Amino acid sequence: MHGMLDYPMGVLLIASPWIFGFSDVGGAATAVPIVIGVVVLAQSLITDYEYSVIDAPPLRGHLMMDVLAGVVLAASPWIFGFADEGTNAWLPHLLLGLALIGSGTMTQAERETASSRSRSSRARTT
């Protein structure tokens, strides 16, 4: 599920300044979600999971990067000082950042194989 959501999330982050109407704020308010969106797309293309082109970094590293990117995105309005500019640009940054943190922390870091499923089901029945 995580792999299927990474690509739309990357595109949403890149387009968010125009979708949520804060592209005219400029500066970090516009640049941060675009850069993080590009990073999300790039790491999705190379992560060792079903929806990538190259299986380079492990999924665990990808998830840690998602959490880190989410923290930066959620905190960016206050770090870069555009939270109090009289716009609501801070809200998409916060919500999308929390979504990245959530997806990074709630995704299972190891692939579940048929043998691990059968072992876990046997363990539950005994």
Protein backbone atom coordinates (compact mmCIF):
# COMPACT_ATOMS: atom_id res chain seq x y z
CA MET A 1 0.00 0.00 0.00
CA HIS A 2 2.81 2.40 0.90
CA GLY A 3 4.41 2.00 -2.53
CA MET A 4 1.14 2.81 -4.30
CA LEU A 5 0.67 6.00 -2.27
CA ASP A 6 4.23 7.32 -2.63
CA TYR A 7 3.87 8.46 -6.23
CA PRO A 8 0.59 10.39 -5.79
CA MET A 9 1.98 11.93 -2.58
CA GLY A 10 5.11 13.12 -4.41
CA VAL A 11 2.99 14.69 -7.15
CA LEU A 12 0.64 16.25 -4.57
CA LEU A 13 3.60 17.78 -2.72
CA ILE A 14 5.05 19.24 -5.92
CA ALA A 15 1.68 20.67 -6.97
CA SER A 16 0.56 21.74 -3.48
CA PRO A 17 1.57 25.42 -3.78
CA TRP A 18 -0.87 25.79 -6.68
CA ILE A 19 -3.53 23.37 -5.42
CA PHE A 20 -3.73 25.02 -1.99
CA GLY A 21 -3.17 28.56 -3.26
CA PHE A 22 0.08 29.58 -1.61
CA SER A 23 2.32 29.73 -4.70
CA ASP A 24 2.31 33.54 -4.48
CA VAL A 25 3.93 33.39 -1.02
CA GLY A 26 7.11 32.13 -2.69
CA GLY A 27 10.39 31.40 -0.94
CA ALA A 28 10.54 28.44 1.42
CA ALA A 29 6.75 28.13 1.53
CA THR A 30 6.80 27.10 -2.12
CA ALA A 31 10.24 25.46 -2.33
CA VAL A 32 10.02 23.07 0.64
CA PRO A 33 7.05 20.97 -0.55
CA ILE A 34 8.40 20.90 -4.11
CA VAL A 35 11.83 19.69 -2.99
CA ILE A 36 10.33 17.11 -0.63
CA GLY A 37 7.96 15.97 -3.38
CA VAL A 38 10.91 15.42 -5.74
CA VAL A 39 12.73 13.50 -2.99
CA VAL A 40 9.66 11.33 -2.34
CA LEU A 41 9.37 10.50 -6.05
CA ALA A 42 13.09 9.85 -6.45
CA GLN A 43 13.35 7.56 -3.44
CA SER A 44 10.20 5.74 -4.55
CA LEU A 45 11.82 4.96 -7.88
CA ILE A 46 14.89 3.39 -6.24
CA THR A 47 13.60 1.79 -3.00
CA ASP A 48 13.66 -1.99 -2.67
CA TYR A 49 9.91 -2.59 -2.98
CA GLU A 50 7.34 -3.68 -5.55
CA TYR A 51 6.73 -0.32 -7.25
CA SER A 52 10.31 0.81 -7.89
CA VAL A 53 12.54 0.75 -10.93
CA ILE A 54 15.78 0.02 -9.05
CA ASP A 55 15.92 -1.94 -5.80
CA ALA A 56 18.71 0.01 -4.09
CA PRO A 57 18.04 1.27 -0.53
CA PRO A 58 16.02 -0.97 1.79
CA LEU A 59 12.45 -0.09 2.69
CA ARG A 60 13.48 0.62 6.29
CA GLY A 61 15.74 3.47 5.08
CA HIS A 62 12.95 4.80 2.85
CA LEU A 63 10.57 4.88 5.81
CA MET A 64 13.10 6.72 7.96
CA MET A 65 13.50 9.30 5.17
CA ASP A 66 9.70 9.67 5.00
CA VAL A 67 9.58 10.42 8.72
CA LEU A 68 12.47 12.88 8.48
CA ALA A 69 10.93 14.61 5.43
CA GLY A 70 7.58 14.75 7.26
CA VAL A 71 9.14 16.40 10.30
CA VAL A 72 10.91 18.98 8.10
CA LEU A 73 7.75 19.66 6.10
CA ALA A 74 5.49 19.92 9.17
CA ALA A 75 7.92 22.22 11.00
CA SER A 76 8.96 24.29 7.97
CA PRO A 77 6.41 27.11 8.48
CA TRP A 78 7.99 27.86 11.86
CA ILE A 79 11.58 27.05 10.87
CA PHE A 80 11.46 29.35 7.83
CA GLY A 81 9.12 31.93 9.37
CA PHE A 82 6.17 31.91 7.00
CA ALA A 83 3.64 30.62 9.56
CA ASP A 84 2.72 34.14 10.63
CA GLU A 85 2.66 35.90 7.25
CA GLY A 86 -1.12 36.19 7.30
CA THR A 87 -1.65 33.28 4.91
CA ASN A 88 -2.76 29.74 5.58
CA ALA A 89 0.31 28.31 3.83
CA TRP A 90 1.32 26.64 7.08
CA LEU A 91 -1.70 24.31 7.14
CA PRO A 92 -0.90 22.15 4.06
CA HIS A 93 2.72 21.92 5.19
CA LEU A 94 1.66 20.69 8.61
CA LEU A 95 -0.99 18.24 7.38
CA LEU A 96 1.09 16.77 4.55
CA GLY A 97 4.08 16.54 6.89
CA LEU A 98 1.99 14.63 9.43
CA ALA A 99 0.79 12.34 6.63
CA LEU A 100 4.41 11.55 5.71
CA ILE A 101 5.27 10.90 9.35
CA GLY A 102 2.25 8.62 9.68
CA SER A 103 2.99 6.65 6.54
CA GLY A 104 6.61 6.23 7.58
CA THR A 105 5.79 5.03 11.07
CA MET A 106 2.79 2.83 10.27
CA THR A 107 4.23 0.90 7.33
CA GLN A 108 5.61 -2.55 7.99
CA ALA A 109 9.35 -2.36 7.25
CA GLU A 110 9.74 -6.01 6.24
CA ARG A 111 7.99 -7.70 3.36
CA GLU A 112 5.63 -10.42 4.43
CA THR A 113 6.31 -13.58 2.46
CA ALA A 114 4.16 -16.69 2.18
CA SER A 115 6.45 -18.59 4.56
CA SER A 116 6.37 -15.82 7.20
CA ARG A 117 2.57 -15.65 6.94
CA SER A 118 2.25 -19.40 7.50
CA ARG A 119 4.67 -19.27 10.46
CA SER A 120 2.75 -16.41 12.06
CA SER A 121 -0.61 -18.12 11.55
CA ARG A 122 0.76 -21.36 13.07
CA ALA A 123 2.12 -19.37 16.03
CA ARG A 124 -1.29 -17.82 16.66
CA THR A 125 -3.09 -21.19 16.60
CA THR A 126 -0.77 -22.85 19.12
